[in-house]
Amino acid sequence: MTDMMSVRVPKEYRKKLRKFKQINWSEVVRKAIAARIDEEERRMDIKEAVSFMDGIRERILKSQGSTDYDSSEAIRRWRETRR
């Protein structure tokens, strides 16, 4: 099922659109909307993941306290062992 939606464009765009009658502009707009929705959903997923990880970090800091652990050193050490 689909819903009807209207889009206003400047007159100069409309004139240019008419030059390309072979293009299904409705389909172009649908694909652009779908791509933007996908992009925004990915952004929301990333924000949720960051928020979740921040929550984990806060819980660890509350229970364990601050630490001087530097993960970059551990990462370098593991990378060196794989070589």
Protein backbone atom coordinates (compact mmCIF):
# COMPACT_ATOMS: atom_id res chain seq x y z
CA MET A 1 0.00 0.00 0.00
CA THR A 2 1.28 3.46 -0.81
CA ASP A 3 0.38 6.98 0.22
CA MET A 4 0.30 10.04 -1.98
CA MET A 5 2.82 12.79 -1.27
CA SER A 6 3.37 16.12 -3.02
CA VAL A 7 6.71 17.85 -3.38
CA ARG A 8 7.21 21.48 -4.29
CA VAL A 9 10.17 22.34 -6.50
CA PRO A 10 11.25 25.67 -7.98
CA LYS A 11 9.87 26.40 -11.46
CA GLU A 12 13.33 26.25 -12.99
CA TYR A 13 13.73 22.67 -11.72
CA ARG A 14 10.33 21.71 -13.09
CA LYS A 15 11.28 23.03 -16.54
CA LYS A 16 14.49 20.98 -16.45
CA LEU A 17 12.62 17.88 -15.28
CA ARG A 18 10.32 18.10 -18.29
CA LYS A 19 13.33 17.89 -20.61
CA PHE A 20 13.97 14.34 -19.38
CA LYS A 21 10.59 12.68 -19.92
CA GLN A 22 12.20 9.25 -20.11
CA ILE A 23 13.10 9.45 -16.40
CA ASN A 24 10.56 8.27 -13.85
CA TRP A 25 10.97 11.13 -11.40
CA SER A 26 8.62 9.54 -8.88
CA GLU A 27 10.96 6.56 -8.70
CA VAL A 28 13.98 8.86 -8.33
CA VAL A 29 12.31 10.61 -5.39
CA ARG A 30 11.25 7.28 -3.80
CA LYS A 31 14.81 5.95 -4.00
CA ALA A 32 16.23 9.19 -2.57
CA ILE A 33 13.78 9.04 0.34
CA ALA A 34 14.55 5.37 0.99
CA ALA A 35 18.31 6.07 0.96
CA ARG A 36 17.90 8.95 3.40
CA ILE A 37 15.74 6.85 5.73
CA ASP A 38 18.42 4.11 5.71
CA GLU A 39 21.11 6.69 6.48
CA GLU A 40 19.14 8.17 9.38
CA GLU A 41 18.37 4.71 10.80
CA ARG A 42 22.10 3.87 10.73
CA ARG A 43 22.84 7.12 12.56
CA MET A 44 20.26 6.25 15.20
CA ASP A 45 21.76 2.75 15.59
CA ILE A 46 25.22 4.25 16.05
CA LYS A 47 23.94 6.74 18.63
CA GLU A 48 22.22 3.92 20.54
CA ALA A 49 25.39 1.80 20.46
CA VAL A 50 27.52 4.70 21.70
CA SER A 51 25.04 5.41 24.47
CA PHE A 52 25.02 1.73 25.45
CA MET A 53 28.84 1.61 25.53
CA ASP A 54 28.96 4.82 27.57
CA GLY A 55 26.58 3.22 30.05
CA ILE A 56 28.84 0.17 30.36
CA ARG A 57 31.85 2.42 30.88
CA GLU A 58 30.04 4.41 33.59
CA ARG A 59 29.01 1.23 35.42
CA ILE A 60 32.59 -0.06 35.31
CA LEU A 61 33.93 3.27 36.57
CA LYS A 62 31.42 3.24 39.45
CA SER A 63 32.20 -0.33 40.45
CA GLN A 64 35.96 -0.46 39.73
CA GLY A 65 37.00 3.16 39.89
CA SER A 66 39.29 4.98 37.52
CA THR A 67 42.27 3.16 36.08
CA ASP A 68 45.42 4.08 34.19
CA TYR A 69 44.96 1.14 31.78
CA ASP A 70 45.91 2.11 28.24
CA SER A 71 44.19 -0.15 25.73
CA SER A 72 46.39 1.09 22.89
CA GLU A 73 49.38 -0.69 24.44
CA ALA A 74 47.45 -3.98 24.62
CA ILE A 75 46.29 -3.58 21.03
CA ARG A 76 49.85 -2.96 19.83
CA ARG A 77 51.08 -5.99 21.78
CA TRP A 78 48.42 -8.26 20.21
CA ARG A 79 49.11 -6.91 16.73
CA GLU A 80 52.80 -7.62 17.13
CA THR A 81 52.12 -11.24 18.16
CA ARG A 82 50.09 -11.83 14.99
CA ARG A 83 53.00 -10.88 12.71
